[in-house]
Amino acid sequence: MDPHPFAPSAPPLPAVPRTRNCAGPTPPGAHTITTSERGSFCLAVCSCGWRGPARRSRDLARKDASGHLTG
């Protein structure tokens, strides 16, 4: 399949680490989790710098975030 001749080129995605554990215990509420959408993908992002893998399902991205908060 040929690309659409008038489609704009998409900028490259930044490298997203698979997982990154936070250093040491942190008090509850210190983490602020949000979801970020990039095209058809959704990923969870934490204020500590952790990023979950890109998912097509928002629900799976939220489950990644809850897994980050619990351990």
PDB file of N, CA and C in Angstrom:
ATOM      1  N   MET A   1       0.843  -1.160   0.000  1.00  0.00           N
ATOM      2  CA  MET A   1       0.000   0.000   0.000  1.00  0.00           C
ATOM      3  C   MET A   1       0.898   1.236   0.000  1.00  0.00           C
ATOM      4  N   ASP A   2       0.616   2.136  -0.892  1.00  0.00           N
ATOM      5  CA  ASP A   2       1.389   3.374  -0.980  1.00  0.00           C
ATOM      6  C   ASP A   2       0.858   4.395   0.015  1.00  0.00           C
ATOM      7  N   PRO A   3       1.755   5.226   0.575  1.00  0.00           N
ATOM      8  CA  PRO A   3       1.277   6.261   1.492  1.00  0.00           C
ATOM      9  C   PRO A   3       0.457   7.301   0.739  1.00  0.00           C
ATOM     10  N   HIS A   4      -0.416   7.933   1.457  1.00  0.00           N
ATOM     11  CA  HIS A   4      -1.252   8.981   0.878  1.00  0.00           C
ATOM     12  C   HIS A   4      -0.342  10.126   0.436  1.00  0.00           C
ATOM     13  N   PRO A   5      -0.494  10.636  -0.802  1.00  0.00           N
ATOM     14  CA  PRO A   5       0.438  11.655  -1.303  1.00  0.00           C
ATOM     15  C   PRO A   5       0.343  12.998  -0.588  1.00  0.00           C
ATOM     16  N   PHE A   6      -0.795  13.286   0.064  1.00  0.00           N
ATOM     17  CA  PHE A   6      -0.942  14.585   0.712  1.00  0.00           C
ATOM     18  C   PHE A   6      -0.895  14.498   2.239  1.00  0.00           C
ATOM     19  N   ALA A   7      -0.569  13.337   2.762  1.00  0.00           N
ATOM     20  CA  ALA A   7      -0.530  13.167   4.218  1.00  0.00           C
ATOM     21  C   ALA A   7       0.721  13.833   4.784  1.00  0.00           C
ATOM     22  N   PRO A   8       0.575  14.624   5.845  1.00  0.00           N
ATOM     23  CA  PRO A   8       1.761  15.234   6.453  1.00  0.00           C
ATOM     24  C   PRO A   8       2.564  14.164   7.193  1.00  0.00           C
ATOM     25  N   SER A   9       3.855  14.333   7.228  1.00  0.00           N
ATOM     26  CA  SER A   9       4.680  13.367   7.950  1.00  0.00           C
ATOM     27  C   SER A   9       4.571  13.634   9.444  1.00  0.00           C
ATOM     28  N   ALA A  10       4.525  12.571  10.200  1.00  0.00           N
ATOM     29  CA  ALA A  10       4.402  12.676  11.658  1.00  0.00           C
ATOM     30  C   ALA A  10       5.777  12.853  12.270  1.00  0.00           C
ATOM     31  N   PRO A  11       5.879  13.666  13.331  1.00  0.00           N
ATOM     32  CA  PRO A  11       7.174  13.818  13.989  1.00  0.00           C
ATOM     33  C   PRO A  11       7.549  12.514  14.689  1.00  0.00           C
ATOM     34  N   PRO A  12       8.832  12.232  14.850  1.00  0.00           N
ATOM     35  CA  PRO A  12       9.239  10.991  15.510  1.00  0.00           C
ATOM     36  C   PRO A  12       8.836  10.996  16.983  1.00  0.00           C
ATOM     37  N   LEU A  13       8.488   9.831  17.492  1.00  0.00           N
ATOM     38  CA  LEU A  13       8.133   9.697  18.904  1.00  0.00           C
ATOM     39  C   LEU A  13       9.401   9.682  19.746  1.00  0.00           C
ATOM     40  N   PRO A  14       9.383  10.345  20.888  1.00  0.00           N
ATOM     41  CA  PRO A  14      10.560  10.278  21.759  1.00  0.00           C
ATOM     42  C   PRO A  14      10.672   8.880  22.351  1.00  0.00           C
ATOM     43  N   ALA A  15      11.875   8.508  22.672  1.00  0.00           N
ATOM     44  CA  ALA A  15      12.097   7.198  23.283  1.00  0.00           C
ATOM     45  C   ALA A  15      11.421   7.180  24.652  1.00  0.00           C
ATOM     46  N   VAL A  16      10.620   6.187  24.892  1.00  0.00           N
ATOM     47  CA  VAL A  16       9.902   6.054  26.156  1.00  0.00           C
ATOM     48  C   VAL A  16      10.424   4.825  26.866  1.00  0.00           C
ATOM     49  N   PRO A  17      11.014   4.989  28.059  1.00  0.00           N
ATOM     50  CA  PRO A  17      11.493   3.808  28.772  1.00  0.00           C
ATOM     51  C   PRO A  17      10.344   2.894  29.157  1.00  0.00           C
ATOM     52  N   ARG A  18      10.602   1.596  29.160  1.00  0.00           N
ATOM     53  CA  ARG A  18       9.559   0.621  29.495  1.00  0.00           C
ATOM     54  C   ARG A  18       9.038   0.846  30.908  1.00  0.00           C
ATOM     55  N   THR A  19       9.890   0.783  31.887  1.00  0.00           N
ATOM     56  CA  THR A  19       9.501   1.050  33.272  1.00  0.00           C
ATOM     57  C   THR A  19      10.682   1.693  33.975  1.00  0.00           C
ATOM     58  N   ARG A  20      10.380   2.457  34.989  1.00  0.00           N
ATOM     59  CA  ARG A  20      11.428   3.033  35.806  1.00  0.00           C
ATOM     60  C   ARG A  20      10.897   3.084  37.222  1.00  0.00           C
ATOM     61  N   ASN A  21      11.566   2.404  38.115  1.00  0.00           N
ATOM     62  CA  ASN A  21      11.133   2.377  39.510  1.00  0.00           C
ATOM     63  C   ASN A  21      11.548   3.670  40.196  1.00  0.00           C
ATOM     64  N   CYS A  22      10.732   4.126  41.077  1.00  0.00           N
ATOM     65  CA  CYS A  22      11.040   5.326  41.846  1.00  0.00           C
ATOM     66  C   CYS A  22      12.082   4.980  42.902  1.00  0.00           C
ATOM     67  N   ALA A  23      12.937   5.913  43.200  1.00  0.00           N
ATOM     68  CA  ALA A  23      13.980   5.682  44.191  1.00  0.00           C
ATOM     69  C   ALA A  23      13.411   5.869  45.595  1.00  0.00           C
ATOM     70  N   GLY A  24      13.402   4.807  46.357  1.00  0.00           N
ATOM     71  CA  GLY A  24      12.980   4.871  47.746  1.00  0.00           C
ATOM     72  C   GLY A  24      11.491   5.029  47.930  1.00  0.00           C
ATOM     73  N   PRO A  25      11.038   4.823  49.165  1.00  0.00           N
ATOM     74  CA  PRO A  25       9.613   4.975  49.441  1.00  0.00           C
ATOM     75  C   PRO A  25       9.209   6.447  49.409  1.00  0.00           C
ATOM     76  N   THR A  26       8.016   6.685  48.954  1.00  0.00           N
ATOM     77  CA  THR A  26       7.496   8.046  48.908  1.00  0.00           C
ATOM     78  C   THR A  26       6.158   8.072  49.632  1.00  0.00           C
ATOM     79  N   PRO A  27       5.810   9.186  50.234  1.00  0.00           N
ATOM     80  CA  PRO A  27       4.539   9.263  50.948  1.00  0.00           C
ATOM     81  C   PRO A  27       3.368   9.125  49.983  1.00  0.00           C
ATOM     82  N   PRO A  28       2.244   8.603  50.459  1.00  0.00           N
ATOM     83  CA  PRO A  28       1.072   8.489  49.591  1.00  0.00           C
ATOM     84  C   PRO A  28       0.656   9.861  49.069  1.00  0.00           C
ATOM     85  N   GLY A  29       0.223   9.901  47.856  1.00  0.00           N
ATOM     86  CA  GLY A  29      -0.195  11.158  47.264  1.00  0.00           C
ATOM     87  C   GLY A  29       0.930  11.933  46.615  1.00  0.00           C
ATOM     88  N   ALA A  30       2.168  11.454  46.738  1.00  0.00           N
ATOM     89  CA  ALA A  30       3.294  12.152  46.133  1.00  0.00           C
ATOM     90  C   ALA A  30       3.338  11.925  44.630  1.00  0.00           C
ATOM     91  N   HIS A  31       2.683  10.882  44.162  1.00  0.00           N
ATOM     92  CA  HIS A  31       2.657  10.570  42.738  1.00  0.00           C
ATOM     93  C   HIS A  31       1.371  11.109  42.115  1.00  0.00           C
ATOM     94  N   THR A  32       1.516  11.765  41.000  1.00  0.00           N
ATOM     95  CA  THR A  32       0.372  12.226  40.243  1.00  0.00           C
ATOM     96  C   THR A  32       0.399  11.529  38.901  1.00  0.00           C
ATOM     97  N   ILE A  33      -0.579  10.660  38.669  1.00  0.00           N
ATOM     98  CA  ILE A  33      -0.638   9.881  37.444  1.00  0.00           C
ATOM     99  C   ILE A  33      -1.615  10.529  36.466  1.00  0.00           C
ATOM    100  N   THR A  34      -1.187  10.657  35.231  1.00  0.00           N
ATOM    101  CA  THR A  34      -2.057  11.119  34.164  1.00  0.00           C
ATOM    102  C   THR A  34      -1.909  10.163  32.988  1.00  0.00           C
ATOM    103  N   THR A  35      -2.839  10.236  32.067  1.00  0.00           N
ATOM    104  CA  THR A  35      -2.692   9.471  30.839  1.00  0.00           C
ATOM    105  C   THR A  35      -2.435  10.449  29.704  1.00  0.00           C
ATOM    106  N   SER A  36      -1.585  10.027  28.809  1.00  0.00           N
ATOM    107  CA  SER A  36      -1.220  10.845  27.667  1.00  0.00           C
ATOM    108  C   SER A  36      -1.539  10.068  26.402  1.00  0.00           C
ATOM    109  N   GLU A  37      -2.125  10.729  25.435  1.00  0.00           N
ATOM    110  CA  GLU A  37      -2.467  10.063  24.182  1.00  0.00           C
ATOM    111  C   GLU A  37      -1.553  10.543  23.081  1.00  0.00           C
ATOM    112  N   ARG A  38      -1.083   9.586  22.310  1.00  0.00           N
ATOM    113  CA  ARG A  38      -0.195   9.859  21.178  1.00  0.00           C
ATOM    114  C   ARG A  38      -0.735   9.081  19.994  1.00  0.00           C
ATOM    115  N   GLY A  39      -1.505   9.738  19.168  1.00  0.00           N
ATOM    116  CA  GLY A  39      -2.148   9.040  18.057  1.00  0.00           C
ATOM    117  C   GLY A  39      -3.195   8.088  18.600  1.00  0.00           C
ATOM    118  N   SER A  40      -3.103   6.820  18.222  1.00  0.00           N
ATOM    119  CA  SER A  40      -4.067   5.828  18.708  1.00  0.00           C
ATOM    120  C   SER A  40      -3.564   5.113  19.951  1.00  0.00           C
ATOM    121  N   PHE A  41      -2.465   5.583  20.536  1.00  0.00           N
ATOM    122  CA  PHE A  41      -1.900   4.946  21.720  1.00  0.00           C
ATOM    123  C   PHE A  41      -2.094   5.819  22.946  1.00  0.00           C
ATOM    124  N   CYS A  42      -2.179   5.180  24.098  1.00  0.00           N
ATOM    125  CA  CYS A  42      -2.338   5.849  25.380  1.00  0.00           C
ATOM    126  C   CYS A  42      -1.266   5.315  26.319  1.00  0.00           C
ATOM    127  N   LEU A  43      -0.647   6.174  27.099  1.00  0.00           N
ATOM    128  CA  LEU A  43       0.309   5.709  28.086  1.00  0.00           C
ATOM    129  C   LEU A  43       0.125   6.470  29.378  1.00  0.00           C
ATOM    130  N   ALA A  44       0.456   5.800  30.468  1.00  0.00           N
ATOM    131  CA  ALA A  44       0.358   6.415  31.790  1.00  0.00           C
ATOM    132  C   ALA A  44       1.682   7.106  32.094  1.00  0.00           C
ATOM    133  N   VAL A  45       1.590   8.303  32.674  1.00  0.00           N
ATOM    134  CA  VAL A  45       2.770   9.094  33.011  1.00  0.00           C
ATOM    135  C   VAL A  45       2.644   9.537  34.451  1.00  0.00           C
ATOM    136  N   CYS A  46       3.720   9.358  35.225  1.00  0.00           N
ATOM    137  CA  CYS A  46       3.725   9.738  36.641  1.00  0.00           C
ATOM    138  C   CYS A  46       4.592  10.981  36.835  1.00  0.00           C
ATOM    139  N   SER A  47       4.294  11.736  37.869  1.00  0.00           N
ATOM    140  CA  SER A  47       5.068  12.941  38.169  1.00  0.00           C
ATOM    141  C   SER A  47       6.493  12.625  38.591  1.00  0.00           C
ATOM    142  N   CYS A  48       6.774  11.367  38.980  1.00  0.00           N
ATOM    143  CA  CYS A  48       8.135  10.994  39.380  1.00  0.00           C
ATOM    144  C   CYS A  48       9.019  10.675  38.177  1.00  0.00           C
ATOM    145  N   GLY A  49       8.438  10.652  36.969  1.00  0.00           N
ATOM    146  CA  GLY A  49       9.218  10.376  35.774  1.00  0.00           C
ATOM    147  C   GLY A  49       8.930   9.020  35.156  1.00  0.00           C
ATOM    148  N   TRP A  50       8.192   8.178  35.863  1.00  0.00           N
ATOM    149  CA  TRP A  50       7.842   6.855  35.338  1.00  0.00           C
ATOM    150  C   TRP A  50       6.859   7.000  34.187  1.00  0.00           C
ATOM    151  N   ARG A  51       7.032   6.166  33.171  1.00  0.00           N
ATOM    152  CA  ARG A  51       6.086   6.100  32.053  1.00  0.00           C
ATOM    153  C   ARG A  51       5.808   4.650  31.748  1.00  0.00           C
ATOM    154  N   GLY A  52       4.557   4.344  31.569  1.00  0.00           N
ATOM    155  CA  GLY A  52       4.168   2.988  31.215  1.00  0.00           C
ATOM    156  C   GLY A  52       4.304   2.763  29.726  1.00  0.00           C
ATOM    157  N   PRO A  53       4.175   1.517  29.298  1.00  0.00           N
ATOM    158  CA  PRO A  53       4.246   1.232  27.866  1.00  0.00           C
ATOM    159  C   PRO A  53       3.039   1.789  27.132  1.00  0.00           C
ATOM    160  N   ALA A  54       3.206   2.084  25.871  1.00  0.00           N
ATOM    161  CA  ALA A  54       2.103   2.591  25.052  1.00  0.00           C
ATOM    162  C   ALA A  54       1.090   1.478  24.832  1.00  0.00           C
ATOM    163  N   ARG A  55      -0.155   1.777  25.060  1.00  0.00           N
ATOM    164  CA  ARG A  55      -1.247   0.802  24.918  1.00  0.00           C
ATOM    165  C   ARG A  55      -2.305   1.365  23.992  1.00  0.00           C
ATOM    166  N   ARG A  56      -3.022   0.484  23.327  1.00  0.00           N
ATOM    167  CA  ARG A  56      -4.173   0.929  22.535  1.00  0.00           C
ATOM    168  C   ARG A  56      -5.400   1.071  23.424  1.00  0.00           C
ATOM    169  N   SER A  57      -5.379   0.456  24.583  1.00  0.00           N
ATOM    170  CA  SER A  57      -6.504   0.488  25.506  1.00  0.00           C
ATOM    171  C   SER A  57      -6.207   1.444  26.656  1.00  0.00           C
ATOM    172  N   ARG A  58      -7.089   2.415  26.871  1.00  0.00           N
ATOM    173  CA  ARG A  58      -6.917   3.332  28.005  1.00  0.00           C
ATOM    174  C   ARG A  58      -7.003   2.570  29.319  1.00  0.00           C
ATOM    175  N   ASP A  59      -7.867   1.555  29.355  1.00  0.00           N
ATOM    176  CA  ASP A  59      -8.029   0.768  30.576  1.00  0.00           C
ATOM    177  C   ASP A  59      -6.719   0.072  30.955  1.00  0.00           C
ATOM    178  N   LEU A  60      -6.000  -0.480  29.982  1.00  0.00           N
ATOM    179  CA  LEU A  60      -4.721  -1.126  30.280  1.00  0.00           C
ATOM    180  C   LEU A  60      -3.682  -0.102  30.744  1.00  0.00           C
ATOM    181  N   ALA A  61      -3.718   1.094  30.175  1.00  0.00           N
ATOM    182  CA  ALA A  61      -2.793   2.139  30.624  1.00  0.00           C
ATOM    183  C   ALA A  61      -3.089   2.514  32.074  1.00  0.00           C
ATOM    184  N   ARG A  62      -4.366   2.571  32.433  1.00  0.00           N
ATOM    185  CA  ARG A  62      -4.735   2.863  33.825  1.00  0.00           C
ATOM    186  C   ARG A  62      -4.307   1.739  34.754  1.00  0.00           C
ATOM    187  N   LYS A  63      -4.395   0.493  34.290  1.00  0.00           N
ATOM    188  CA  LYS A  63      -3.951  -0.641  35.109  1.00  0.00           C
ATOM    189  C   LYS A  63      -2.446  -0.600  35.305  1.00  0.00           C
ATOM    190  N   ASP A  64      -1.691  -0.184  34.293  1.00  0.00           N
ATOM    191  CA  ASP A  64      -0.249  -0.003  34.443  1.00  0.00           C
ATOM    192  C   ASP A  64       0.029   1.044  35.518  1.00  0.00           C
ATOM    193  N   ALA A  65      -0.747   2.114  35.510  1.00  0.00           N
ATOM    194  CA  ALA A  65      -0.549   3.193  36.494  1.00  0.00           C
ATOM    195  C   ALA A  65      -0.857   2.695  37.903  1.00  0.00           C
ATOM    196  N   SER A  66      -1.936   1.927  38.076  1.00  0.00           N
ATOM    197  CA  SER A  66      -2.251   1.440  39.414  1.00  0.00           C
ATOM    198  C   SER A  66      -1.190   0.437  39.878  1.00  0.00           C
ATOM    199  N   GLY A  67      -0.617  -0.325  38.950  1.00  0.00           N
ATOM    200  CA  GLY A  67       0.483  -1.218  39.305  1.00  0.00           C
ATOM    201  C   GLY A  67       1.715  -0.449  39.747  1.00  0.00           C
ATOM    202  N   HIS A  68       1.958   0.690  39.143  1.00  0.00           N
ATOM    203  CA  HIS A  68       3.074   1.535  39.547  1.00  0.00           C
ATOM    204  C   HIS A  68       2.875   2.082  40.939  1.00  0.00           C
ATOM    205  N   LEU A  69       1.644   2.478  41.249  1.00  0.00           N
ATOM    206  CA  LEU A  69       1.366   3.062  42.564  1.00  0.00           C
ATOM    207  C   LEU A  69       1.447   2.025  43.684  1.00  0.00           C
ATOM    208  N   THR A  70       1.068   0.774  43.383  1.00  0.00           N
ATOM    209  CA  THR A  70       1.062  -0.247  44.429  1.00  0.00           C
ATOM    210  C   THR A  70       2.407  -0.934  44.599  1.00  0.00           C
ATOM    211  N   GLY A  71       3.265  -0.835  43.646  1.00  0.00           N
ATOM    212  CA  GLY A  71       4.534  -1.535  43.865  1.00  0.00           C
ATOM    213  C   GLY A  71       5.447  -1.335  42.784  1.00  0.00           C
TER     214      GLY A  71
END
